[in-house]
């Protein structure tokens, strides 16, 4: 006897004027070749159909509830309609679409926390279009953290990880100007990130004893204080605190020697001190196969590592590779979490 089918993945439409709708279409078309698990899209069926016609893609759609996804996935792209309509204007974002974009994210969280979906995969959003419509959160991840806290009544600390086939990196500070990074970096932020990363690598990635390499901030990890004291005064004490908690963290390491093949064999994830220090190596190694994973939430969320790509939206040249990788990883993490559930 076989048990019930696993819950499907919930995919959000993202910014309608970007490439989100077309990479969703491309992922569904690749479902058999890529062995993709069942998923549904939270979006506007009319917009998705219009984008398919624009790109001459033969993708039948079916409006479903999440529970009906598996029954239709093999023959049609399942879509759970939003209350807010979305306009298909490739390359030209509009604040008029903001309500639908936000609704899709909120409903994906609700579906996942209720068990109707196993995990969330989000297509990229355009923050300025949302800001212009009154969106109050710095970005996608912060909004997901707010929704998690609102639903559970418990604080959430979202941590961004970029996961590729050969490297996982985590920026401790994220969207900070470079001249603000040193002033924003704290021992507590490094400790918190290290604890969440170690926990989620064990519970969701199935790595029993995760090893965390921690980068320095300054060239040569500060050269003994000659190039700044942040590595001595902030990063090293944070690493010592993580080790006292039983976490296999080591460093601070010079960032320019952390990412070659031999070095990568010594750790499961790299904690980096700022955005580009983390994102440049992982995207250079595997731009099309790298996935953005949000750790520290009571649900699983992955996303492609690219943006809205307004310049190529509607032209039929966007590749679904990163979305396909995000779908596969979301399913794997959900399955790992389910195995650990009591």
C-alpha atoms as a PDB file:
ATOM      1  CA  UNK A   1       0.000   0.000   0.000  1.00  0.00           C
ATOM      2  CA  UNK A   2       1.112   3.544  -0.682  1.00  0.00           C
ATOM      3  CA  UNK A   3       0.409   6.511   1.551  1.00  0.00           C
ATOM      4  CA  UNK A   4      -1.312   9.714   0.539  1.00  0.00           C
ATOM      5  CA  UNK A   5       0.364  11.860  -2.104  1.00  0.00           C
ATOM      6  CA  UNK A   6       2.597  14.561  -0.615  1.00  0.00           C
ATOM      7  CA  UNK A   7       1.262  18.089  -0.572  1.00  0.00           C
ATOM      8  CA  UNK A   8       2.202  20.067  -3.689  1.00  0.00           C
ATOM      9  CA  UNK A   9       4.511  23.065  -3.804  1.00  0.00           C
ATOM     10  CA  UNK A  10       2.998  26.563  -3.902  1.00  0.00           C
ATOM     11  CA  UNK A  11       4.597  28.802  -6.531  1.00  0.00           C
ATOM     12  CA  UNK A  12       3.954  32.553  -6.497  1.00  0.00           C
ATOM     13  CA  UNK A  13       3.620  34.517  -9.726  1.00  0.00           C
ATOM     14  CA  UNK A  14       6.128  37.208  -8.727  1.00  0.00           C
ATOM     15  CA  UNK A  15       6.273  40.475 -10.665  1.00  0.00           C
ATOM     16  CA  UNK A  16       3.891  40.022 -13.622  1.00  0.00           C
ATOM     17  CA  UNK A  17       5.868  42.372 -15.863  1.00  0.00           C
ATOM     18  CA  UNK A  18       9.038  40.338 -15.361  1.00  0.00           C
ATOM     19  CA  UNK A  19      10.048  36.868 -16.461  1.00  0.00           C
ATOM     20  CA  UNK A  20       8.247  35.078 -13.613  1.00  0.00           C
ATOM     21  CA  UNK A  21       5.216  34.019 -15.688  1.00  0.00           C
ATOM     22  CA  UNK A  22       7.334  32.640 -18.511  1.00  0.00           C
ATOM     23  CA  UNK A  23       9.805  30.703 -16.366  1.00  0.00           C
ATOM     24  CA  UNK A  24       6.786  29.177 -14.616  1.00  0.00           C
ATOM     25  CA  UNK A  25       5.482  28.103 -18.008  1.00  0.00           C
ATOM     26  CA  UNK A  26       8.914  26.778 -18.960  1.00  0.00           C
ATOM     27  CA  UNK A  27       9.223  24.811 -15.737  1.00  0.00           C
ATOM     28  CA  UNK A  28       5.872  23.116 -16.280  1.00  0.00           C
ATOM     29  CA  UNK A  29       6.812  22.254 -19.873  1.00  0.00           C
ATOM     30  CA  UNK A  30      10.009  20.657 -18.517  1.00  0.00           C
ATOM     31  CA  UNK A  31       8.175  18.702 -15.801  1.00  0.00           C
ATOM     32  CA  UNK A  32       8.688  15.258 -17.339  1.00  0.00           C
ATOM     33  CA  UNK A  33      12.237  15.778 -18.603  1.00  0.00           C
ATOM     34  CA  UNK A  34      13.277  17.218 -15.223  1.00  0.00           C
ATOM     35  CA  UNK A  35      11.200  14.871 -13.060  1.00  0.00           C
ATOM     36  CA  UNK A  36       9.543  17.795 -11.296  1.00  0.00           C
ATOM     37  CA  UNK A  37       7.181  17.295  -8.353  1.00  0.00           C
ATOM     38  CA  UNK A  38       3.643  18.648  -8.573  1.00  0.00           C
ATOM     39  CA  UNK A  39       3.136  22.348  -8.003  1.00  0.00           C
ATOM     40  CA  UNK A  40       0.452  24.962  -8.438  1.00  0.00           C
ATOM     41  CA  UNK A  41       0.754  28.646  -9.247  1.00  0.00           C
ATOM     42  CA  UNK A  42      -0.872  31.369  -7.204  1.00  0.00           C
ATOM     43  CA  UNK A  43      -1.631  33.840  -9.968  1.00  0.00           C
ATOM     44  CA  UNK A  44      -4.094  35.232 -12.488  1.00  0.00           C
ATOM     45  CA  UNK A  45      -5.024  32.549 -15.040  1.00  0.00           C
ATOM     46  CA  UNK A  46      -5.779  35.230 -17.660  1.00  0.00           C
ATOM     47  CA  UNK A  47      -2.300  36.724 -17.347  1.00  0.00           C
ATOM     48  CA  UNK A  48      -0.580  33.336 -17.524  1.00  0.00           C
ATOM     49  CA  UNK A  49      -2.642  32.378 -20.571  1.00  0.00           C
ATOM     50  CA  UNK A  50      -1.835  35.704 -22.230  1.00  0.00           C
ATOM     51  CA  UNK A  51       1.905  35.211 -21.666  1.00  0.00           C
ATOM     52  CA  UNK A  52       1.698  31.690 -23.080  1.00  0.00           C
ATOM     53  CA  UNK A  53      -0.036  33.021 -26.211  1.00  0.00           C
ATOM     54  CA  UNK A  54       2.519  35.817 -26.543  1.00  0.00           C
ATOM     55  CA  UNK A  55       5.332  33.249 -26.489  1.00  0.00           C
ATOM     56  CA  UNK A  56       3.458  30.645 -28.588  1.00  0.00           C
ATOM     57  CA  UNK A  57       3.694  28.081 -25.800  1.00  0.00           C
ATOM     58  CA  UNK A  58       1.207  25.240 -25.721  1.00  0.00           C
ATOM     59  CA  UNK A  59       0.410  25.165 -22.012  1.00  0.00           C
ATOM     60  CA  UNK A  60      -3.144  24.223 -21.009  1.00  0.00           C
ATOM     61  CA  UNK A  61      -4.256  25.746 -17.702  1.00  0.00           C
ATOM     62  CA  UNK A  62      -6.649  24.416 -15.105  1.00  0.00           C
ATOM     63  CA  UNK A  63      -8.042  26.339 -12.142  1.00  0.00           C
ATOM     64  CA  UNK A  64      -7.698  24.248  -8.996  1.00  0.00           C
ATOM     65  CA  UNK A  65      -7.658  24.270  -5.244  1.00  0.00           C
ATOM     66  CA  UNK A  66      -4.300  23.180  -3.760  1.00  0.00           C
ATOM     67  CA  UNK A  67      -5.716  19.756  -2.873  1.00  0.00           C
ATOM     68  CA  UNK A  68      -6.539  19.019  -6.536  1.00  0.00           C
ATOM     69  CA  UNK A  69      -3.088  19.822  -7.902  1.00  0.00           C
ATOM     70  CA  UNK A  70      -1.711  16.305  -8.228  1.00  0.00           C
ATOM     71  CA  UNK A  71      -4.731  15.095 -10.202  1.00  0.00           C
ATOM     72  CA  UNK A  72      -4.155  17.665 -12.964  1.00  0.00           C
ATOM     73  CA  UNK A  73      -0.405  18.370 -12.951  1.00  0.00           C
ATOM     74  CA  UNK A  74       0.508  15.854 -15.657  1.00  0.00           C
ATOM     75  CA  UNK A  75      -1.856  17.356 -18.243  1.00  0.00           C
ATOM     76  CA  UNK A  76      -2.288  21.040 -17.350  1.00  0.00           C
ATOM     77  CA  UNK A  77      -0.603  23.777 -15.330  1.00  0.00           C
ATOM     78  CA  UNK A  78      -2.615  24.072 -12.100  1.00  0.00           C
ATOM     79  CA  UNK A  79      -3.453  27.664 -11.151  1.00  0.00           C
ATOM     80  CA  UNK A  80      -5.082  28.801  -7.911  1.00  0.00           C
ATOM     81  CA  UNK A  81      -6.709  32.113  -8.916  1.00  0.00           C
ATOM     82  CA  UNK A  82      -6.026  35.274  -6.956  1.00  0.00           C
ATOM     83  CA  UNK A  83      -8.764  37.692  -5.981  1.00  0.00           C
ATOM     84  CA  UNK A  84      -6.740  40.528  -7.528  1.00  0.00           C
ATOM     85  CA  UNK A  85      -6.326  40.599 -11.295  1.00  0.00           C
ATOM     86  CA  UNK A  86      -2.930  41.103 -12.928  1.00  0.00           C
ATOM     87  CA  UNK A  87      -2.094  42.879 -16.177  1.00  0.00           C
ATOM     88  CA  UNK A  88       0.287  41.316 -18.713  1.00  0.00           C
ATOM     89  CA  UNK A  89       2.640  44.179 -19.610  1.00  0.00           C
ATOM     90  CA  UNK A  90       6.097  42.593 -20.071  1.00  0.00           C
ATOM     91  CA  UNK A  91       8.936  44.958 -19.236  1.00  0.00           C
ATOM     92  CA  UNK A  92       6.680  47.664 -17.784  1.00  0.00           C
ATOM     93  CA  UNK A  93       5.962  47.181 -14.074  1.00  0.00           C
ATOM     94  CA  UNK A  94       2.889  48.820 -12.596  1.00  0.00           C
ATOM     95  CA  UNK A  95       1.789  49.535  -9.058  1.00  0.00           C
ATOM     96  CA  UNK A  96      -1.649  48.346 -10.140  1.00  0.00           C
ATOM     97  CA  UNK A  97      -0.331  44.767  -9.947  1.00  0.00           C
ATOM     98  CA  UNK A  98       1.035  45.181  -6.422  1.00  0.00           C
ATOM     99  CA  UNK A  99      -2.059  43.896  -4.612  1.00  0.00           C
ATOM    100  CA  UNK A 100      -1.983  40.630  -6.543  1.00  0.00           C
ATOM    101  CA  UNK A 101       1.762  40.164  -6.049  1.00  0.00           C
ATOM    102  CA  UNK A 102       1.410  40.600  -2.288  1.00  0.00           C
ATOM    103  CA  UNK A 103      -1.722  38.449  -2.151  1.00  0.00           C
ATOM    104  CA  UNK A 104       0.103  35.554  -3.821  1.00  0.00           C
ATOM    105  CA  UNK A 105       2.875  35.634  -1.210  1.00  0.00           C
ATOM    106  CA  UNK A 106       0.474  35.836   1.728  1.00  0.00           C
ATOM    107  CA  UNK A 107      -1.702  33.005   0.431  1.00  0.00           C
ATOM    108  CA  UNK A 108       1.345  30.801  -0.217  1.00  0.00           C
ATOM    109  CA  UNK A 109       2.389  31.232   3.416  1.00  0.00           C
ATOM    110  CA  UNK A 110      -1.149  30.454   4.591  1.00  0.00           C
ATOM    111  CA  UNK A 111      -1.311  27.338   2.399  1.00  0.00           C
ATOM    112  CA  UNK A 112       2.045  26.088   3.623  1.00  0.00           C
ATOM    113  CA  UNK A 113       1.422  26.648   7.325  1.00  0.00           C
ATOM    114  CA  UNK A 114      -1.953  24.921   6.995  1.00  0.00           C
ATOM    115  CA  UNK A 115      -0.425  21.885   5.254  1.00  0.00           C
ATOM    116  CA  UNK A 116      -2.150  22.443   1.902  1.00  0.00           C
ATOM    117  CA  UNK A 117       1.297  23.064   0.411  1.00  0.00           C
ATOM    118  CA  UNK A 118       4.616  21.489   1.357  1.00  0.00           C
ATOM    119  CA  UNK A 119       6.799  24.525   0.641  1.00  0.00           C
ATOM    120  CA  UNK A 120       6.866  27.881  -1.137  1.00  0.00           C
ATOM    121  CA  UNK A 121       8.784  28.739  -4.296  1.00  0.00           C
ATOM    122  CA  UNK A 122       8.638  32.441  -5.096  1.00  0.00           C
ATOM    123  CA  UNK A 123       9.268  34.126  -8.415  1.00  0.00           C
ATOM    124  CA  UNK A 124      11.126  37.455  -8.255  1.00  0.00           C
ATOM    125  CA  UNK A 125       9.331  40.660  -7.304  1.00  0.00           C
ATOM    126  CA  UNK A 126      10.080  44.291  -8.191  1.00  0.00           C
ATOM    127  CA  UNK A 127      10.396  46.136  -4.915  1.00  0.00           C
ATOM    128  CA  UNK A 128      10.004  49.638  -6.373  1.00  0.00           C
ATOM    129  CA  UNK A 129       6.634  48.798  -7.923  1.00  0.00           C
ATOM    130  CA  UNK A 130       5.492  47.532  -4.523  1.00  0.00           C
ATOM    131  CA  UNK A 131       6.917  50.561  -2.688  1.00  0.00           C
ATOM    132  CA  UNK A 132       5.056  52.874  -5.054  1.00  0.00           C
ATOM    133  CA  UNK A 133       1.840  51.077  -4.056  1.00  0.00           C
ATOM    134  CA  UNK A 134       2.538  51.459  -0.320  1.00  0.00           C
ATOM    135  CA  UNK A 135       4.374  48.199   0.482  1.00  0.00           C
ATOM    136  CA  UNK A 136       5.979  48.704   3.897  1.00  0.00           C
ATOM    137  CA  UNK A 137       8.669  45.999   3.967  1.00  0.00           C
ATOM    138  CA  UNK A 138      12.276  46.239   2.741  1.00  0.00           C
ATOM    139  CA  UNK A 139      11.876  43.162   0.567  1.00  0.00           C
ATOM    140  CA  UNK A 140      10.460  39.716  -0.065  1.00  0.00           C
ATOM    141  CA  UNK A 141      12.285  38.018   2.788  1.00  0.00           C
ATOM    142  CA  UNK A 142      11.306  40.582   5.407  1.00  0.00           C
ATOM    143  CA  UNK A 143       7.650  40.290   4.382  1.00  0.00           C
ATOM    144  CA  UNK A 144       7.826  36.511   4.726  1.00  0.00           C
ATOM    145  CA  UNK A 145       9.283  36.992   8.204  1.00  0.00           C
ATOM    146  CA  UNK A 146       6.396  39.303   9.105  1.00  0.00           C
ATOM    147  CA  UNK A 147       3.833  36.793   7.835  1.00  0.00           C
ATOM    148  CA  UNK A 148       5.501  34.022   9.837  1.00  0.00           C
ATOM    149  CA  UNK A 149       5.416  36.062  13.045  1.00  0.00           C
ATOM    150  CA  UNK A 150       1.817  37.118  12.425  1.00  0.00           C
ATOM    151  CA  UNK A 151       0.683  33.528  11.866  1.00  0.00           C
ATOM    152  CA  UNK A 152       2.601  31.873  14.707  1.00  0.00           C
ATOM    153  CA  UNK A 153       2.946  34.619  17.293  1.00  0.00           C
ATOM    154  CA  UNK A 154       6.659  33.828  17.536  1.00  0.00           C
ATOM    155  CA  UNK A 155       9.596  35.947  16.361  1.00  0.00           C
ATOM    156  CA  UNK A 156      11.237  34.918  13.090  1.00  0.00           C
ATOM    157  CA  UNK A 157      14.730  35.750  11.888  1.00  0.00           C
ATOM    158  CA  UNK A 158      14.935  35.096   8.132  1.00  0.00           C
ATOM    159  CA  UNK A 159      18.434  34.270   6.881  1.00  0.00           C
ATOM    160  CA  UNK A 160      19.285  34.256   3.184  1.00  0.00           C
ATOM    161  CA  UNK A 161      21.321  31.365   1.836  1.00  0.00           C
ATOM    162  CA  UNK A 162      22.474  30.922  -1.757  1.00  0.00           C
ATOM    163  CA  UNK A 163      22.712  27.197  -2.471  1.00  0.00           C
ATOM    164  CA  UNK A 164      24.416  25.863  -5.566  1.00  0.00           C
ATOM    165  CA  UNK A 165      25.582  22.393  -6.546  1.00  0.00           C
ATOM    166  CA  UNK A 166      29.072  22.972  -5.108  1.00  0.00           C
ATOM    167  CA  UNK A 167      28.744  25.871  -2.661  1.00  0.00           C
ATOM    168  CA  UNK A 168      26.369  27.339  -0.080  1.00  0.00           C
ATOM    169  CA  UNK A 169      26.922  30.892   1.145  1.00  0.00           C
ATOM    170  CA  UNK A 170      25.159  33.146   3.652  1.00  0.00           C
ATOM    171  CA  UNK A 171      25.627  36.925   3.839  1.00  0.00           C
ATOM    172  CA  UNK A 172      25.447  38.146   7.454  1.00  0.00           C
ATOM    173  CA  UNK A 173      24.688  41.687   6.283  1.00  0.00           C
ATOM    174  CA  UNK A 174      22.584  41.788   3.141  1.00  0.00           C
ATOM    175  CA  UNK A 175      21.375  44.958   1.427  1.00  0.00           C
ATOM    176  CA  UNK A 176      23.819  47.407   2.969  1.00  0.00           C
ATOM    177  CA  UNK A 177      25.960  49.877   1.065  1.00  0.00           C
ATOM    178  CA  UNK A 178      29.583  48.809   1.282  1.00  0.00           C
ATOM    179  CA  UNK A 179      30.505  51.862   3.355  1.00  0.00           C
ATOM    180  CA  UNK A 180      27.889  50.816   5.929  1.00  0.00           C
ATOM    181  CA  UNK A 181      28.886  47.160   6.315  1.00  0.00           C
ATOM    182  CA  UNK A 182      31.535  47.509   9.022  1.00  0.00           C
ATOM    183  CA  UNK A 183      29.251  49.641  11.190  1.00  0.00           C
ATOM    184  CA  UNK A 184      26.351  47.217  10.735  1.00  0.00           C
ATOM    185  CA  UNK A 185      28.281  44.054  11.551  1.00  0.00           C
ATOM    186  CA  UNK A 186      27.790  42.745  15.085  1.00  0.00           C
ATOM    187  CA  UNK A 187      28.882  39.716  17.035  1.00  0.00           C
ATOM    188  CA  UNK A 188      25.231  38.906  17.757  1.00  0.00           C
ATOM    189  CA  UNK A 189      24.287  38.981  14.060  1.00  0.00           C
ATOM    190  CA  UNK A 190      27.066  36.502  13.241  1.00  0.00           C
ATOM    191  CA  UNK A 191      26.107  34.226  16.139  1.00  0.00           C
ATOM    192  CA  UNK A 192      22.422  34.276  15.203  1.00  0.00           C
ATOM    193  CA  UNK A 193      23.156  33.541  11.562  1.00  0.00           C
ATOM    194  CA  UNK A 194      25.510  30.708  12.507  1.00  0.00           C
ATOM    195  CA  UNK A 195      22.977  29.102  14.840  1.00  0.00           C
ATOM    196  CA  UNK A 196      20.145  29.244  12.299  1.00  0.00           C
ATOM    197  CA  UNK A 197      22.310  27.991   9.446  1.00  0.00           C
ATOM    198  CA  UNK A 198      23.661  25.075  11.511  1.00  0.00           C
ATOM    199  CA  UNK A 199      20.164  24.114  12.665  1.00  0.00           C
ATOM    200  CA  UNK A 200      18.580  24.247   9.208  1.00  0.00           C
ATOM    201  CA  UNK A 201      21.470  22.425   7.555  1.00  0.00           C
ATOM    202  CA  UNK A 202      20.859  19.599  10.026  1.00  0.00           C
ATOM    203  CA  UNK A 203      17.056  19.585  10.027  1.00  0.00           C
ATOM    204  CA  UNK A 204      16.285  20.439   6.404  1.00  0.00           C
ATOM    205  CA  UNK A 205      19.408  19.594   4.400  1.00  0.00           C
ATOM    206  CA  UNK A 206      20.070  16.390   6.323  1.00  0.00           C
ATOM    207  CA  UNK A 207      23.677  17.256   7.282  1.00  0.00           C
ATOM    208  CA  UNK A 208      24.130  15.819  10.800  1.00  0.00           C
ATOM    209  CA  UNK A 209      27.132  17.909  11.916  1.00  0.00           C
ATOM    210  CA  UNK A 210      27.371  20.994   9.693  1.00  0.00           C
ATOM    211  CA  UNK A 211      30.730  22.695   9.246  1.00  0.00           C
ATOM    212  CA  UNK A 212      30.637  26.485   8.906  1.00  0.00           C
ATOM    213  CA  UNK A 213      33.525  28.428   7.403  1.00  0.00           C
ATOM    214  CA  UNK A 214      33.388  32.070   8.502  1.00  0.00           C
ATOM    215  CA  UNK A 215      34.993  34.732   6.354  1.00  0.00           C
ATOM    216  CA  UNK A 216      36.845  37.765   7.555  1.00  0.00           C
ATOM    217  CA  UNK A 217      35.625  41.238   6.685  1.00  0.00           C
ATOM    218  CA  UNK A 218      38.896  42.872   5.700  1.00  0.00           C
ATOM    219  CA  UNK A 219      41.579  41.767   3.235  1.00  0.00           C
ATOM    220  CA  UNK A 220      43.607  38.866   4.670  1.00  0.00           C
ATOM    221  CA  UNK A 221      41.047  38.693   7.513  1.00  0.00           C
ATOM    222  CA  UNK A 222      42.487  41.923   8.854  1.00  0.00           C
ATOM    223  CA  UNK A 223      46.180  40.926   8.756  1.00  0.00           C
ATOM    224  CA  UNK A 224      46.371  40.735  12.563  1.00  0.00           C
ATOM    225  CA  UNK A 225      44.652  44.103  12.961  1.00  0.00           C
ATOM    226  CA  UNK A 226      46.798  45.941  10.433  1.00  0.00           C
ATOM    227  CA  UNK A 227      43.809  46.258   8.054  1.00  0.00           C
ATOM    228  CA  UNK A 228      41.058  46.816  10.586  1.00  0.00           C
ATOM    229  CA  UNK A 229      40.045  45.295  13.899  1.00  0.00           C
ATOM    230  CA  UNK A 230      36.598  43.936  13.004  1.00  0.00           C
ATOM    231  CA  UNK A 231      38.003  40.455  12.412  1.00  0.00           C
ATOM    232  CA  UNK A 232      39.602  40.435  15.886  1.00  0.00           C
ATOM    233  CA  UNK A 233      36.958  42.310  17.890  1.00  0.00           C
ATOM    234  CA  UNK A 234      33.705  41.107  16.288  1.00  0.00           C
ATOM    235  CA  UNK A 235      34.115  38.043  14.082  1.00  0.00           C
ATOM    236  CA  UNK A 236      36.556  35.946  16.128  1.00  0.00           C
ATOM    237  CA  UNK A 237      34.515  36.281  19.370  1.00  0.00           C
ATOM    238  CA  UNK A 238      31.351  35.300  17.489  1.00  0.00           C
ATOM    239  CA  UNK A 239      33.069  32.174  16.166  1.00  0.00           C
ATOM    240  CA  UNK A 240      34.260  31.311  19.671  1.00  0.00           C
ATOM    241  CA  UNK A 241      30.688  31.684  20.971  1.00  0.00           C
ATOM    242  CA  UNK A 242      29.351  29.396  18.231  1.00  0.00           C
ATOM    243  CA  UNK A 243      31.942  26.770  19.076  1.00  0.00           C
ATOM    244  CA  UNK A 244      30.974  26.967  22.758  1.00  0.00           C
ATOM    245  CA  UNK A 245      27.438  26.075  21.637  1.00  0.00           C
ATOM    246  CA  UNK A 246      28.719  22.959  19.887  1.00  0.00           C
ATOM    247  CA  UNK A 247      28.686  24.359  16.351  1.00  0.00           C
ATOM    248  CA  UNK A 248      31.645  23.472  14.140  1.00  0.00           C
ATOM    249  CA  UNK A 249      32.493  27.009  13.024  1.00  0.00           C
ATOM    250  CA  UNK A 250      35.988  28.156  12.119  1.00  0.00           C
ATOM    251  CA  UNK A 251      37.714  31.300  10.922  1.00  0.00           C
ATOM    252  CA  UNK A 252      37.858  34.183  10.296  1.00  0.00           C
ATOM    253  CA  UNK A 253      39.297  33.169   6.939  1.00  0.00           C
ATOM    254  CA  UNK A 254      40.644  35.398   4.179  1.00  0.00           C
ATOM    255  CA  UNK A 255      37.766  35.545   1.711  1.00  0.00           C
ATOM    256  CA  UNK A 256      40.054  35.339  -1.316  1.00  0.00           C
ATOM    257  CA  UNK A 257      41.151  31.787  -0.428  1.00  0.00           C
ATOM    258  CA  UNK A 258      37.815  30.316   0.751  1.00  0.00           C
ATOM    259  CA  UNK A 259      36.121  29.351  -2.471  1.00  0.00           C
ATOM    260  CA  UNK A 260      38.481  27.248  -4.578  1.00  0.00           C
ATOM    261  CA  UNK A 261      37.654  23.555  -4.939  1.00  0.00           C
ATOM    262  CA  UNK A 262      40.006  22.226  -2.256  1.00  0.00           C
ATOM    263  CA  UNK A 263      38.844  24.798   0.309  1.00  0.00           C
ATOM    264  CA  UNK A 264      35.165  24.070  -0.353  1.00  0.00           C
ATOM    265  CA  UNK A 265      35.648  20.429   0.639  1.00  0.00           C
ATOM    266  CA  UNK A 266      36.272  21.549   4.236  1.00  0.00           C
ATOM    267  CA  UNK A 267      32.853  23.078   4.960  1.00  0.00           C
ATOM    268  CA  UNK A 268      29.121  22.759   4.289  1.00  0.00           C
ATOM    269  CA  UNK A 269      28.323  26.481   4.204  1.00  0.00           C
ATOM    270  CA  UNK A 270      30.267  29.731   4.261  1.00  0.00           C
ATOM    271  CA  UNK A 271      29.181  32.621   6.468  1.00  0.00           C
ATOM    272  CA  UNK A 272      30.213  35.797   4.686  1.00  0.00           C
ATOM    273  CA  UNK A 273      30.194  39.317   6.014  1.00  0.00           C
ATOM    274  CA  UNK A 274      28.453  41.164   3.180  1.00  0.00           C
ATOM    275  CA  UNK A 275      26.308  40.673   0.095  1.00  0.00           C
ATOM    276  CA  UNK A 276      28.830  40.444  -2.736  1.00  0.00           C
ATOM    277  CA  UNK A 277      31.335  38.454  -0.688  1.00  0.00           C
ATOM    278  CA  UNK A 278      28.680  35.721  -0.510  1.00  0.00           C
ATOM    279  CA  UNK A 279      26.913  36.035  -3.844  1.00  0.00           C
ATOM    280  CA  UNK A 280      29.770  36.514  -6.309  1.00  0.00           C
ATOM    281  CA  UNK A 281      31.435  33.109  -5.772  1.00  0.00           C
ATOM    282  CA  UNK A 282      28.243  31.046  -5.734  1.00  0.00           C
ATOM    283  CA  UNK A 283      26.806  32.752  -8.813  1.00  0.00           C
ATOM    284  CA  UNK A 284      30.119  32.512 -10.641  1.00  0.00           C
ATOM    285  CA  UNK A 285      30.290  28.775 -10.026  1.00  0.00           C
ATOM    286  CA  UNK A 286      26.692  27.995 -11.024  1.00  0.00           C
ATOM    287  CA  UNK A 287      24.630  30.986 -12.102  1.00  0.00           C
ATOM    288  CA  UNK A 288      21.783  28.987 -13.657  1.00  0.00           C
ATOM    289  CA  UNK A 289      21.596  26.314 -10.941  1.00  0.00           C
ATOM    290  CA  UNK A 290      21.881  28.392  -7.770  1.00  0.00           C
ATOM    291  CA  UNK A 291      18.859  28.777  -5.505  1.00  0.00           C
ATOM    292  CA  UNK A 292      17.960  31.407  -2.923  1.00  0.00           C
ATOM    293  CA  UNK A 293      16.808  29.624   0.259  1.00  0.00           C
ATOM    294  CA  UNK A 294      15.338  31.445   3.250  1.00  0.00           C
ATOM    295  CA  UNK A 295      16.360  29.827   6.530  1.00  0.00           C
ATOM    296  CA  UNK A 296      14.952  30.602   9.978  1.00  0.00           C
ATOM    297  CA  UNK A 297      11.268  30.460   9.005  1.00  0.00           C
ATOM    298  CA  UNK A 298       8.623  27.940  10.137  1.00  0.00           C
ATOM    299  CA  UNK A 299       8.136  26.958   6.492  1.00  0.00           C
ATOM    300  CA  UNK A 300      10.395  26.214   3.550  1.00  0.00           C
ATOM    301  CA  UNK A 301      10.905  28.898   0.942  1.00  0.00           C
ATOM    302  CA  UNK A 302      13.150  28.810  -2.102  1.00  0.00           C
ATOM    303  CA  UNK A 303      13.458  31.163  -5.053  1.00  0.00           C
ATOM    304  CA  UNK A 304      15.479  31.532  -8.248  1.00  0.00           C
ATOM    305  CA  UNK A 305      18.653  33.527  -7.687  1.00  0.00           C
ATOM    306  CA  UNK A 306      17.877  35.976 -10.528  1.00  0.00           C
ATOM    307  CA  UNK A 307      15.711  39.062 -10.645  1.00  0.00           C
ATOM    308  CA  UNK A 308      12.739  40.177 -12.707  1.00  0.00           C
ATOM    309  CA  UNK A 309      14.808  40.708 -15.885  1.00  0.00           C
ATOM    310  CA  UNK A 310      12.486  43.331 -17.356  1.00  0.00           C
ATOM    311  CA  UNK A 311      14.816  43.736 -20.343  1.00  0.00           C
ATOM    312  CA  UNK A 312      14.043  40.245 -21.651  1.00  0.00           C
ATOM    313  CA  UNK A 313      10.499  39.757 -20.332  1.00  0.00           C
ATOM    314  CA  UNK A 314       8.072  38.618 -23.000  1.00  0.00           C
ATOM    315  CA  UNK A 315      10.798  37.817 -25.523  1.00  0.00           C
ATOM    316  CA  UNK A 316      10.848  34.054 -25.030  1.00  0.00           C
ATOM    317  CA  UNK A 317      14.520  33.854 -24.082  1.00  0.00           C
ATOM    318  CA  UNK A 318      14.293  33.566 -20.287  1.00  0.00           C
ATOM    319  CA  UNK A 319      15.622  30.243 -19.039  1.00  0.00           C
ATOM    320  CA  UNK A 320      13.750  28.364 -16.298  1.00  0.00           C
ATOM    321  CA  UNK A 321      16.866  26.585 -14.987  1.00  0.00           C
ATOM    322  CA  UNK A 322      17.109  28.420 -11.657  1.00  0.00           C
ATOM    323  CA  UNK A 323      13.369  28.055 -11.014  1.00  0.00           C
ATOM    324  CA  UNK A 324      13.597  24.339 -11.792  1.00  0.00           C
ATOM    325  CA  UNK A 325      16.489  24.054  -9.320  1.00  0.00           C
ATOM    326  CA  UNK A 326      14.432  25.964  -6.731  1.00  0.00           C
ATOM    327  CA  UNK A 327      11.483  23.598  -7.224  1.00  0.00           C
ATOM    328  CA  UNK A 328      13.663  20.516  -6.837  1.00  0.00           C
ATOM    329  CA  UNK A 329      15.378  21.858  -3.729  1.00  0.00           C
ATOM    330  CA  UNK A 330      12.086  22.897  -2.124  1.00  0.00           C
ATOM    331  CA  UNK A 331      10.755  19.366  -2.587  1.00  0.00           C
ATOM    332  CA  UNK A 332      13.926  17.818  -1.162  1.00  0.00           C
ATOM    333  CA  UNK A 333      13.921  20.091   1.884  1.00  0.00           C
ATOM    334  CA  UNK A 334      10.220  19.439   2.484  1.00  0.00           C
ATOM    335  CA  UNK A 335      10.774  15.697   2.281  1.00  0.00           C
ATOM    336  CA  UNK A 336      13.722  15.906   4.680  1.00  0.00           C
ATOM    337  CA  UNK A 337      11.678  17.939   7.149  1.00  0.00           C
ATOM    338  CA  UNK A 338       8.800  15.472   6.933  1.00  0.00           C
ATOM    339  CA  UNK A 339      11.109  12.556   7.718  1.00  0.00           C
ATOM    340  CA  UNK A 340      12.249  14.317  10.888  1.00  0.00           C
ATOM    341  CA  UNK A 341       8.713  15.200  12.001  1.00  0.00           C
ATOM    342  CA  UNK A 342       7.519  13.277  15.090  1.00  0.00           C
END
